[in-house]
mmCIF file of all heavy atoms, coordinates in Angstrom:
data_MODEL
# 
_entry.id   MODEL 
# 
loop_
_atom_site.group_PDB 
_atom_site.id 
_atom_site.type_symbol 
_atom_site.label_atom_id 
_atom_site.label_alt_id 
_atom_site.label_comp_id 
_atom_site.label_asym_id 
_atom_site.label_entity_id 
_atom_site.label_seq_id 
_atom_site.pdbx_PDB_ins_code 
_atom_site.Cartn_x 
_atom_site.Cartn_y 
_atom_site.Cartn_z 
_atom_site.occupancy 
_atom_site.B_iso_or_equiv 
_atom_site.pdbx_formal_charge 
_atom_site.auth_seq_id 
_atom_site.auth_comp_id 
_atom_site.auth_asym_id 
_atom_site.auth_atom_id 
_atom_site.pdbx_PDB_model_num 
ATOM 1   N N   . ARG A 1 1  ? 0.827  -1.213  0.000   1.00 0.00 ? 1  ARG A N   1 
ATOM 2   C CA  . ARG A 1 1  ? 0.000  0.000   0.000   1.00 0.00 ? 1  ARG A CA  1 
ATOM 3   C C   . ARG A 1 1  ? 0.858  1.259   0.000   1.00 0.00 ? 1  ARG A C   1 
ATOM 4   O O   . ARG A 1 1  ? 0.410  2.318   -0.404  1.00 0.00 ? 1  ARG A O   1 
ATOM 5   C CB  . ARG A 1 1  ? -0.906 0.029   1.220   1.00 0.00 ? 1  ARG A CB  1 
ATOM 6   C CG  . ARG A 1 1  ? -2.112 -0.851  1.105   1.00 0.00 ? 1  ARG A CG  1 
ATOM 7   C CD  . ARG A 1 1  ? -2.967 -0.730  2.340   1.00 0.00 ? 1  ARG A CD  1 
ATOM 8   N NE  . ARG A 1 1  ? -4.152 -1.557  2.211   1.00 0.00 ? 1  ARG A NE  1 
ATOM 9   C CZ  . ARG A 1 1  ? -4.765 -2.121  3.218   1.00 0.00 ? 1  ARG A CZ  1 
ATOM 10  N NH1 . ARG A 1 1  ? -4.325 -1.943  4.453   1.00 0.00 ? 1  ARG A NH1 1 
ATOM 11  N NH2 . ARG A 1 1  ? -5.836 -2.862  3.016   1.00 0.00 ? 1  ARG A NH2 1 
ATOM 12  N N   . ASN A 1 2  ? 2.076  1.136   0.471   1.00 0.00 ? 2  ASN A N   1 
ATOM 13  C CA  . ASN A 1 2  ? 2.957  2.290   0.609   1.00 0.00 ? 2  ASN A CA  1 
ATOM 14  C C   . ASN A 1 2  ? 3.965  2.424   -0.516  1.00 0.00 ? 2  ASN A C   1 
ATOM 15  O O   . ASN A 1 2  ? 4.959  3.136   -0.382  1.00 0.00 ? 2  ASN A O   1 
ATOM 16  C CB  . ASN A 1 2  ? 3.675  2.243   1.963   1.00 0.00 ? 2  ASN A CB  1 
ATOM 17  C CG  . ASN A 1 2  ? 2.714  2.505   3.097   1.00 0.00 ? 2  ASN A CG  1 
ATOM 18  O OD1 . ASN A 1 2  ? 2.032  3.520   3.110   1.00 0.00 ? 2  ASN A OD1 1 
ATOM 19  N ND2 . ASN A 1 2  ? 2.636  1.573   4.028   1.00 0.00 ? 2  ASN A ND2 1 
ATOM 20  N N   . ILE A 1 3  ? 3.716  1.724   -1.619  1.00 0.00 ? 3  ILE A N   1 
ATOM 21  C CA  . ILE A 1 3  ? 4.617  1.828   -2.764  1.00 0.00 ? 3  ILE A CA  1 
ATOM 22  C C   . ILE A 1 3  ? 3.778  1.798   -4.039  1.00 0.00 ? 3  ILE A C   1 
ATOM 23  O O   . ILE A 1 3  ? 2.827  1.027   -4.150  1.00 0.00 ? 3  ILE A O   1 
ATOM 24  C CB  . ILE A 1 3  ? 5.677  0.700   -2.755  1.00 0.00 ? 3  ILE A CB  1 
ATOM 25  C CG1 . ILE A 1 3  ? 6.761  0.953   -3.791  1.00 0.00 ? 3  ILE A CG1 1 
ATOM 26  C CG2 . ILE A 1 3  ? 5.058  -0.663  -2.918  1.00 0.00 ? 3  ILE A CG2 1 
ATOM 27  C CD1 . ILE A 1 3  ? 7.973  0.066   -3.633  1.00 0.00 ? 3  ILE A CD1 1 
ATOM 28  N N   . SER A 1 4  ? 4.088  2.648   -4.951  1.00 0.00 ? 4  SER A N   1 
ATOM 29  C CA  . SER A 1 4  ? 3.352  2.666   -6.210  1.00 0.00 ? 4  SER A CA  1 
ATOM 30  C C   . SER A 1 4  ? 3.832  1.524   -7.109  1.00 0.00 ? 4  SER A C   1 
ATOM 31  O O   . SER A 1 4  ? 4.949  1.008   -6.951  1.00 0.00 ? 4  SER A O   1 
ATOM 32  C CB  . SER A 1 4  ? 3.569  3.993   -6.940  1.00 0.00 ? 4  SER A CB  1 
ATOM 33  O OG  . SER A 1 4  ? 4.906  4.099   -7.391  1.00 0.00 ? 4  SER A OG  1 
ATOM 34  N N   . TYR A 1 5  ? 2.984  1.169   -8.063  1.00 0.00 ? 5  TYR A N   1 
ATOM 35  C CA  . TYR A 1 5  ? 3.387  0.157   -9.033  1.00 0.00 ? 5  TYR A CA  1 
ATOM 36  C C   . TYR A 1 5  ? 4.631  0.618   -9.786  1.00 0.00 ? 5  TYR A C   1 
ATOM 37  O O   . TYR A 1 5  ? 5.551  -0.172  -10.016 1.00 0.00 ? 5  TYR A O   1 
ATOM 38  C CB  . TYR A 1 5  ? 2.252  -0.151  -10.026 1.00 0.00 ? 5  TYR A CB  1 
ATOM 39  C CG  . TYR A 1 5  ? 2.761  -0.963  -11.191 1.00 0.00 ? 5  TYR A CG  1 
ATOM 40  C CD1 . TYR A 1 5  ? 3.046  -2.310  -11.033 1.00 0.00 ? 5  TYR A CD1 1 
ATOM 41  C CD2 . TYR A 1 5  ? 3.026  -0.364  -12.415 1.00 0.00 ? 5  TYR A CD2 1 
ATOM 42  C CE1 . TYR A 1 5  ? 3.569  -3.051  -12.079 1.00 0.00 ? 5  TYR A CE1 1 
ATOM 43  C CE2 . TYR A 1 5  ? 3.539  -1.099  -13.461 1.00 0.00 ? 5  TYR A CE2 1 
ATOM 44  C CZ  . TYR A 1 5  ? 3.809  -2.435  -13.286 1.00 0.00 ? 5  TYR A CZ  1 
ATOM 45  O OH  . TYR A 1 5  ? 4.334  -3.170  -14.318 1.00 0.00 ? 5  TYR A OH  1 
ATOM 46  N N   . GLU A 1 6  ? 4.679  1.897   -10.149 1.00 0.00 ? 6  GLU A N   1 
ATOM 47  C CA  . GLU A 1 6  ? 5.817  2.423   -10.904 1.00 0.00 ? 6  GLU A CA  1 
ATOM 48  C C   . GLU A 1 6  ? 7.119  2.284   -10.112 1.00 0.00 ? 6  GLU A C   1 
ATOM 49  O O   . GLU A 1 6  ? 8.154  1.906   -10.674 1.00 0.00 ? 6  GLU A O   1 
ATOM 50  C CB  . GLU A 1 6  ? 5.570  3.886   -11.279 1.00 0.00 ? 6  GLU A CB  1 
ATOM 51  C CG  . GLU A 1 6  ? 4.466  4.083   -12.305 1.00 0.00 ? 6  GLU A CG  1 
ATOM 52  C CD  . GLU A 1 6  ? 3.051  3.970   -11.732 1.00 0.00 ? 6  GLU A CD  1 
ATOM 53  O OE1 . GLU A 1 6  ? 2.872  4.049   -10.500 1.00 0.00 ? 6  GLU A OE1 1 
ATOM 54  O OE2 . GLU A 1 6  ? 2.127  3.795   -12.537 1.00 0.00 ? 6  GLU A OE2 1 
ATOM 55  N N   . LYS A 1 7  ? 7.068  2.591   -8.831  1.00 0.00 ? 7  LYS A N   1 
ATOM 56  C CA  . LYS A 1 7  ? 8.257  2.461   -7.977  1.00 0.00 ? 7  LYS A CA  1 
ATOM 57  C C   . LYS A 1 7  ? 8.653  0.986   -7.851  1.00 0.00 ? 7  LYS A C   1 
ATOM 58  O O   . LYS A 1 7  ? 9.833  0.637   -7.954  1.00 0.00 ? 7  LYS A O   1 
ATOM 59  C CB  . LYS A 1 7  ? 7.990  3.066   -6.602  1.00 0.00 ? 7  LYS A CB  1 
ATOM 60  C CG  . LYS A 1 7  ? 9.093  2.890   -5.603  1.00 0.00 ? 7  LYS A CG  1 
ATOM 61  C CD  . LYS A 1 7  ? 10.227 3.817   -5.845  1.00 0.00 ? 7  LYS A CD  1 
ATOM 62  C CE  . LYS A 1 7  ? 11.211 3.733   -4.671  1.00 0.00 ? 7  LYS A CE  1 
ATOM 63  N NZ  . LYS A 1 7  ? 12.400 4.503   -4.885  1.00 0.00 ? 7  LYS A NZ  1 
ATOM 64  N N   . ALA A 1 8  ? 7.663  0.112   -7.640  1.00 0.00 ? 8  ALA A N   1 
ATOM 65  C CA  . ALA A 1 8  ? 7.945  -1.322  -7.534  1.00 0.00 ? 8  ALA A CA  1 
ATOM 66  C C   . ALA A 1 8  ? 8.550  -1.847  -8.833  1.00 0.00 ? 8  ALA A C   1 
ATOM 67  O O   . ALA A 1 8  ? 9.494  -2.644  -8.813  1.00 0.00 ? 8  ALA A O   1 
ATOM 68  C CB  . ALA A 1 8  ? 6.677  -2.090  -7.183  1.00 0.00 ? 8  ALA A CB  1 
ATOM 69  N N   . ALA A 1 9  ? 8.044  -1.396  -9.977  1.00 0.00 ? 9  ALA A N   1 
ATOM 70  C CA  . ALA A 1 9  ? 8.580  -1.832  -11.270 1.00 0.00 ? 9  ALA A CA  1 
ATOM 71  C C   . ALA A 1 9  ? 10.017 -1.365  -11.450 1.00 0.00 ? 9  ALA A C   1 
ATOM 72  O O   . ALA A 1 9  ? 10.861 -2.103  -11.969 1.00 0.00 ? 9  ALA A O   1 
ATOM 73  C CB  . ALA A 1 9  ? 7.698  -1.332  -12.402 1.00 0.00 ? 9  ALA A CB  1 
ATOM 74  N N   . ALA A 1 10 ? 10.313 -0.137  -11.013 1.00 0.00 ? 10 ALA A N   1 
ATOM 75  C CA  . ALA A 1 10 ? 11.685 0.385   -11.123 1.00 0.00 ? 10 ALA A CA  1 
ATOM 76  C C   . ALA A 1 10 ? 12.639 -0.417  -10.241 1.00 0.00 ? 10 ALA A C   1 
ATOM 77  O O   . ALA A 1 10 ? 13.763 -0.741  -10.650 1.00 0.00 ? 10 ALA A O   1 
ATOM 78  C CB  . ALA A 1 10 ? 11.723 1.864   -10.749 1.00 0.00 ? 10 ALA A CB  1 
ATOM 79  N N   . ILE A 1 11 ? 12.207 -0.740  -9.032  1.00 0.00 ? 11 ILE A N   1 
ATOM 80  C CA  . ILE A 1 11 ? 13.034 -1.553  -8.130  1.00 0.00 ? 11 ILE A CA  1 
ATOM 81  C C   . ILE A 1 11 ? 13.252 -2.928  -8.733  1.00 0.00 ? 11 ILE A C   1 
ATOM 82  O O   . ILE A 1 11 ? 14.379 -3.452  -8.739  1.00 0.00 ? 11 ILE A O   1 
ATOM 83  C CB  . ILE A 1 11 ? 12.374 -1.652  -6.741  1.00 0.00 ? 11 ILE A CB  1 
ATOM 84  C CG1 . ILE A 1 11 ? 12.399 -0.294  -6.042  1.00 0.00 ? 11 ILE A CG1 1 
ATOM 85  C CG2 . ILE A 1 11 ? 13.059 -2.717  -5.883  1.00 0.00 ? 11 ILE A CG2 1 
ATOM 86  C CD1 . ILE A 1 11 ? 11.548 -0.229  -4.785  1.00 0.00 ? 11 ILE A CD1 1 
ATOM 87  N N   . THR A 1 12 ? 12.191 -3.522  -9.260  1.00 0.00 ? 12 THR A N   1 
ATOM 88  C CA  . THR A 1 12 ? 12.290 -4.853  -9.862  1.00 0.00 ? 12 THR A CA  1 
ATOM 89  C C   . THR A 1 12 ? 13.268 -4.850  -11.029 1.00 0.00 ? 12 THR A C   1 
ATOM 90  O O   . THR A 1 12 ? 14.082 -5.775  -11.169 1.00 0.00 ? 12 THR A O   1 
ATOM 91  C CB  . THR A 1 12 ? 10.896 -5.337  -10.308 1.00 0.00 ? 12 THR A CB  1 
ATOM 92  O OG1 . THR A 1 12 ? 10.050 -5.390  -9.155  1.00 0.00 ? 12 THR A OG1 1 
ATOM 93  C CG2 . THR A 1 12 ? 10.949 -6.692  -10.962 1.00 0.00 ? 12 THR A CG2 1 
ATOM 94  N N   . LYS A 1 13 ? 13.218 -3.818  -11.838 1.00 0.00 ? 13 LYS A N   1 
ATOM 95  C CA  . LYS A 1 13 ? 14.152 -3.710  -12.966 1.00 0.00 ? 13 LYS A CA  1 
ATOM 96  C C   . LYS A 1 13 ? 15.588 -3.673  -12.468 1.00 0.00 ? 13 LYS A C   1 
ATOM 97  O O   . LYS A 1 13 ? 16.460 -4.372  -12.989 1.00 0.00 ? 13 LYS A O   1 
ATOM 98  C CB  . LYS A 1 13 ? 13.833 -2.456  -13.778 1.00 0.00 ? 13 LYS A CB  1 
ATOM 99  C CG  . LYS A 1 13 ? 14.678 -2.287  -15.019 1.00 0.00 ? 13 LYS A CG  1 
ATOM 100 C CD  . LYS A 1 13 ? 14.221 -1.058  -15.810 1.00 0.00 ? 13 LYS A CD  1 
ATOM 101 C CE  . LYS A 1 13 ? 14.909 -0.922  -17.140 1.00 0.00 ? 13 LYS A CE  1 
ATOM 102 N NZ  . LYS A 1 13 ? 16.286 -0.563  -17.095 1.00 0.00 ? 13 LYS A NZ  1 
ATOM 103 N N   . LYS A 1 14 ? 15.850 -2.879  -11.438 1.00 0.00 ? 14 LYS A N   1 
ATOM 104 C CA  . LYS A 1 14 ? 17.207 -2.821  -10.864 1.00 0.00 ? 14 LYS A CA  1 
ATOM 105 C C   . LYS A 1 14 ? 17.645 -4.176  -10.333 1.00 0.00 ? 14 LYS A C   1 
ATOM 106 O O   . LYS A 1 14 ? 18.793 -4.590  -10.516 1.00 0.00 ? 14 LYS A O   1 
ATOM 107 C CB  . LYS A 1 14 ? 17.265 -1.801  -9.722  1.00 0.00 ? 14 LYS A CB  1 
ATOM 108 C CG  . LYS A 1 14 ? 17.230 -0.367  -10.150 1.00 0.00 ? 14 LYS A CG  1 
ATOM 109 C CD  . LYS A 1 14 ? 17.336 0.529   -8.920  1.00 0.00 ? 14 LYS A CD  1 
ATOM 110 C CE  . LYS A 1 14 ? 17.148 1.977   -9.253  1.00 0.00 ? 14 LYS A CE  1 
ATOM 111 N NZ  . LYS A 1 14 ? 17.222 2.815   -8.033  1.00 0.00 ? 14 LYS A NZ  1 
ATOM 112 N N   . VAL A 1 15 ? 16.722 -4.864  -9.651  1.00 0.00 ? 15 VAL A N   1 
ATOM 113 C CA  . VAL A 1 15 ? 17.044 -6.185  -9.078  1.00 0.00 ? 15 VAL A CA  1 
ATOM 114 C C   . VAL A 1 15 ? 17.429 -7.161  -10.185 1.00 0.00 ? 15 VAL A C   1 
ATOM 115 O O   . VAL A 1 15 ? 18.411 -7.900  -10.071 1.00 0.00 ? 15 VAL A O   1 
ATOM 116 C CB  . VAL A 1 15 ? 15.856 -6.718  -8.238  1.00 0.00 ? 15 VAL A CB  1 
ATOM 117 C CG1 . VAL A 1 15 ? 16.008 -8.196  -7.938  1.00 0.00 ? 15 VAL A CG1 1 
ATOM 118 C CG2 . VAL A 1 15 ? 15.727 -5.921  -6.946  1.00 0.00 ? 15 VAL A CG2 1 
ATOM 119 N N   . PHE A 1 16 ? 16.685 -7.148  -11.288 1.00 0.00 ? 16 PHE A N   1 
ATOM 120 C CA  . PHE A 1 16 ? 16.963 -8.081  -12.379 1.00 0.00 ? 16 PHE A CA  1 
ATOM 121 C C   . PHE A 1 16 ? 18.217 -7.722  -13.172 1.00 0.00 ? 16 PHE A C   1 
ATOM 122 O O   . PHE A 1 16 ? 18.747 -8.557  -13.898 1.00 0.00 ? 16 PHE A O   1 
ATOM 123 C CB  . PHE A 1 16 ? 15.758 -8.203  -13.311 1.00 0.00 ? 16 PHE A CB  1 
ATOM 124 C CG  . PHE A 1 16 ? 14.739 -9.181  -12.811 1.00 0.00 ? 16 PHE A CG  1 
ATOM 125 C CD1 . PHE A 1 16 ? 13.752 -8.785  -11.931 1.00 0.00 ? 16 PHE A CD1 1 
ATOM 126 C CD2 . PHE A 1 16 ? 14.787 -10.506 -13.197 1.00 0.00 ? 16 PHE A CD2 1 
ATOM 127 C CE1 . PHE A 1 16 ? 12.816 -9.689  -11.450 1.00 0.00 ? 16 PHE A CE1 1 
ATOM 128 C CE2 . PHE A 1 16 ? 13.855 -11.424 -12.724 1.00 0.00 ? 16 PHE A CE2 1 
ATOM 129 C CZ  . PHE A 1 16 ? 12.872 -11.009 -11.842 1.00 0.00 ? 16 PHE A CZ  1 
ATOM 130 N N   . GLU A 1 17 ? 18.700 -6.517  -13.020 1.00 0.00 ? 17 GLU A N   1 
ATOM 131 C CA  . GLU A 1 17 ? 19.921 -6.115  -13.709 1.00 0.00 ? 17 GLU A CA  1 
ATOM 132 C C   . GLU A 1 17 ? 21.182 -6.446  -12.914 1.00 0.00 ? 17 GLU A C   1 
ATOM 133 O O   . GLU A 1 17 ? 22.283 -6.247  -13.410 1.00 0.00 ? 17 GLU A O   1 
ATOM 134 C CB  . GLU A 1 17 ? 19.878 -4.617  -14.009 1.00 0.00 ? 17 GLU A CB  1 
ATOM 135 C CG  . GLU A 1 17 ? 18.858 -4.265  -15.079 1.00 0.00 ? 17 GLU A CG  1 
ATOM 136 C CD  . GLU A 1 17 ? 18.660 -2.774  -15.267 1.00 0.00 ? 17 GLU A CD  1 
ATOM 137 O OE1 . GLU A 1 17 ? 19.090 -1.980  -14.396 1.00 0.00 ? 17 GLU A OE1 1 
ATOM 138 O OE2 . GLU A 1 17 ? 18.057 -2.397  -16.285 1.00 0.00 ? 17 GLU A OE2 1 
ATOM 139 N N   . THR A 1 18 ? 21.044 -6.944  -11.707 1.00 0.00 ? 18 THR A N   1 
ATOM 140 C CA  . THR A 1 18 ? 22.207 -7.267  -10.881 1.00 0.00 ? 18 THR A CA  1 
ATOM 141 C C   . THR A 1 18 ? 22.823 -8.590  -11.313 1.00 0.00 ? 18 THR A C   1 
ATOM 142 O O   . THR A 1 18 ? 22.200 -9.380  -12.024 1.00 0.00 ? 18 THR A O   1 
ATOM 143 C CB  . THR A 1 18 ? 21.838 -7.360  -9.388  1.00 0.00 ? 18 THR A CB  1 
ATOM 144 O OG1 . THR A 1 18 ? 20.944 -8.455  -9.200  1.00 0.00 ? 18 THR A OG1 1 
ATOM 145 C CG2 . THR A 1 18 ? 21.233 -6.078  -8.880  1.00 0.00 ? 18 THR A CG2 1 
ATOM 146 N N   . GLY A 1 19 ? 24.026 -8.816  -10.831 1.00 0.00 ? 19 GLY A N   1 
ATOM 147 C CA  . GLY A 1 19 ? 24.724 -10.044 -11.169 1.00 0.00 ? 19 GLY A CA  1 
ATOM 148 C C   . GLY A 1 19 ? 24.648 -11.121 -10.106 1.00 0.00 ? 19 GLY A C   1 
ATOM 149 O O   . GLY A 1 19 ? 24.849 -12.290 -10.401 1.00 0.00 ? 19 GLY A O   1 
ATOM 150 N N   . THR A 1 20 ? 24.345 -10.729 -8.867  1.00 0.00 ? 20 THR A N   1 
ATOM 151 C CA  . THR A 1 20 ? 24.319 -11.711 -7.784  1.00 0.00 ? 20 THR A CA  1 
ATOM 152 C C   . THR A 1 20 ? 23.121 -11.478 -6.875  1.00 0.00 ? 20 THR A C   1 
ATOM 153 O O   . THR A 1 20 ? 22.531 -10.388 -6.847  1.00 0.00 ? 20 THR A O   1 
ATOM 154 C CB  . THR A 1 20 ? 25.592 -11.622 -6.917  1.00 0.00 ? 20 THR A CB  1 
ATOM 155 O OG1 . THR A 1 20 ? 25.576 -10.382 -6.191  1.00 0.00 ? 20 THR A OG1 1 
ATOM 156 C CG2 . THR A 1 20 ? 26.862 -11.747 -7.742  1.00 0.00 ? 20 THR A CG2 1 
ATOM 157 N N   . ALA A 1 21 ? 22.797 -12.501 -6.108  1.00 0.00 ? 21 ALA A N   1 
ATOM 158 C CA  . ALA A 1 21 ? 21.710 -12.391 -5.127  1.00 0.00 ? 21 ALA A CA  1 
ATOM 159 C C   . ALA A 1 21 ? 22.044 -11.352 -4.064  1.00 0.00 ? 21 ALA A C   1 
ATOM 160 O O   . ALA A 1 21 ? 21.156 -10.632 -3.595  1.00 0.00 ? 21 ALA A O   1 
ATOM 161 C CB  . ALA A 1 21 ? 21.443 -13.750 -4.488  1.00 0.00 ? 21 ALA A CB  1 
ATOM 162 N N   . ASP A 1 22 ? 23.316 -11.261 -3.684  1.00 0.00 ? 22 ASP A N   1 
ATOM 163 C CA  . ASP A 1 22 ? 23.725 -10.268 -2.684  1.00 0.00 ? 22 ASP A CA  1 
ATOM 164 C C   . ASP A 1 22 ? 23.496 -8.851  -3.197  1.00 0.00 ? 22 ASP A C   1 
ATOM 165 O O   . ASP A 1 22 ? 23.054 -7.975  -2.454  1.00 0.00 ? 22 ASP A O   1 
ATOM 166 C CB  . ASP A 1 22 ? 25.192 -10.456 -2.291  1.00 0.00 ? 22 ASP A CB  1 
ATOM 167 C CG  . ASP A 1 22 ? 25.416 -11.698 -1.442  1.00 0.00 ? 22 ASP A CG  1 
ATOM 168 O OD1 . ASP A 1 22 ? 24.446 -12.187 -0.825  1.00 0.00 ? 22 ASP A OD1 1 
ATOM 169 O OD2 . ASP A 1 22 ? 26.563 -12.164 -1.399  1.00 0.00 ? 22 ASP A OD2 1 
ATOM 170 N N   . GLU A 1 23 ? 23.793 -8.619  -4.474  1.00 0.00 ? 23 GLU A N   1 
ATOM 171 C CA  . GLU A 1 23 ? 23.548 -7.300  -5.063  1.00 0.00 ? 23 GLU A CA  1 
ATOM 172 C C   . GLU A 1 23 ? 22.058 -6.990  -5.094  1.00 0.00 ? 23 GLU A C   1 
ATOM 173 O O   . GLU A 1 23 ? 21.644 -5.862  -4.805  1.00 0.00 ? 23 GLU A O   1 
ATOM 174 C CB  . GLU A 1 23 ? 24.127 -7.230  -6.480  1.00 0.00 ? 23 GLU A CB  1 
ATOM 175 C CG  . GLU A 1 23 ? 25.627 -7.228  -6.531  1.00 0.00 ? 23 GLU A CG  1 
ATOM 176 C CD  . GLU A 1 23 ? 26.178 -7.337  -7.943  1.00 0.00 ? 23 GLU A CD  1 
ATOM 177 O OE1 . GLU A 1 23 ? 25.404 -7.567  -8.897  1.00 0.00 ? 23 GLU A OE1 1 
ATOM 178 O OE2 . GLU A 1 23 ? 27.384 -7.181  -8.092  1.00 0.00 ? 23 GLU A OE2 1 
ATOM 179 N N   . ALA A 1 24 ? 21.261 -7.976  -5.442  1.00 0.00 ? 24 ALA A N   1 
ATOM 180 C CA  . ALA A 1 24 ? 19.811 -7.781  -5.475  1.00 0.00 ? 24 ALA A CA  1 
ATOM 181 C C   . ALA A 1 24 ? 19.280 -7.464  -4.083  1.00 0.00 ? 24 ALA A C   1 
ATOM 182 O O   . ALA A 1 24 ? 18.466 -6.550  -3.909  1.00 0.00 ? 24 ALA A O   1 
ATOM 183 C CB  . ALA A 1 24 ? 19.130 -9.017  -6.042  1.00 0.00 ? 24 ALA A CB  1 
ATOM 184 N N   . ALA A 1 25 ? 19.753 -8.191  -3.081  1.00 0.00 ? 25 ALA A N   1 
ATOM 185 C CA  . ALA A 1 25 ? 19.323 -7.947  -1.701  1.00 0.00 ? 25 ALA A CA  1 
ATOM 186 C C   . ALA A 1 25 ? 19.726 -6.550  -1.247  1.00 0.00 ? 25 ALA A C   1 
ATOM 187 O O   . ALA A 1 25 ? 18.952 -5.862  -0.564  1.00 0.00 ? 25 ALA A O   1 
ATOM 188 C CB  . ALA A 1 25 ? 19.915 -9.000  -0.773  1.00 0.00 ? 25 ALA A CB  1 
ATOM 189 N N   . ALA A 1 26 ? 20.903 -6.099  -1.644  1.00 0.00 ? 26 ALA A N   1 
ATOM 190 C CA  . ALA A 1 26 ? 21.362 -4.767  -1.273  1.00 0.00 ? 26 ALA A CA  1 
ATOM 191 C C   . ALA A 1 26 ? 20.474 -3.695  -1.905  1.00 0.00 ? 26 ALA A C   1 
ATOM 192 O O   . ALA A 1 26 ? 20.174 -2.677  -1.262  1.00 0.00 ? 26 ALA A O   1 
ATOM 193 C CB  . ALA A 1 26 ? 22.818 -4.579  -1.689  1.00 0.00 ? 26 ALA A CB  1 
ATOM 194 N N   . ILE A 1 27 ? 20.070 -3.905  -3.143  1.00 0.00 ? 27 ILE A N   1 
ATOM 195 C CA  . ILE A 1 27 ? 19.171 -2.955  -3.800  1.00 0.00 ? 27 ILE A CA  1 
ATOM 196 C C   . ILE A 1 27 ? 17.852 -2.894  -3.053  1.00 0.00 ? 27 ILE A C   1 
ATOM 197 O O   . ILE A 1 27 ? 17.322 -1.820  -2.763  1.00 0.00 ? 27 ILE A O   1 
ATOM 198 C CB  . ILE A 1 27 ? 18.970 -3.316  -5.278  1.00 0.00 ? 27 ILE A CB  1 
ATOM 199 C CG1 . ILE A 1 27 ? 20.222 -3.000  -6.062  1.00 0.00 ? 27 ILE A CG1 1 
ATOM 200 C CG2 . ILE A 1 27 ? 17.760 -2.605  -5.865  1.00 0.00 ? 27 ILE A CG2 1 
ATOM 201 C CD1 . ILE A 1 27 ? 20.235 -3.514  -7.460  1.00 0.00 ? 27 ILE A CD1 1 
ATOM 202 N N   . LEU A 1 28 ? 17.283 -4.048  -2.726  1.00 0.00 ? 28 LEU A N   1 
ATOM 203 C CA  . LEU A 1 28 ? 16.018 -4.074  -1.999  1.00 0.00 ? 28 LEU A CA  1 
ATOM 204 C C   . LEU A 1 28 ? 16.148 -3.358  -0.658  1.00 0.00 ? 28 LEU A C   1 
ATOM 205 O O   . LEU A 1 28 ? 15.291 -2.553  -0.286  1.00 0.00 ? 28 LEU A O   1 
ATOM 206 C CB  . LEU A 1 28 ? 15.542 -5.506  -1.804  1.00 0.00 ? 28 LEU A CB  1 
ATOM 207 C CG  . LEU A 1 28 ? 15.001 -6.194  -3.055  1.00 0.00 ? 28 LEU A CG  1 
ATOM 208 C CD1 . LEU A 1 28 ? 14.783 -7.668  -2.801  1.00 0.00 ? 28 LEU A CD1 1 
ATOM 209 C CD2 . LEU A 1 28 ? 13.725 -5.529  -3.516  1.00 0.00 ? 28 LEU A CD2 1 
# 
């Protein structure tokens, strides 16, 4: 409820562009 779809999509894009699970976790 506290995040827009657009913001969630941008975060998801960043997560999928990472090379490792640790990088993805750091982005989140």
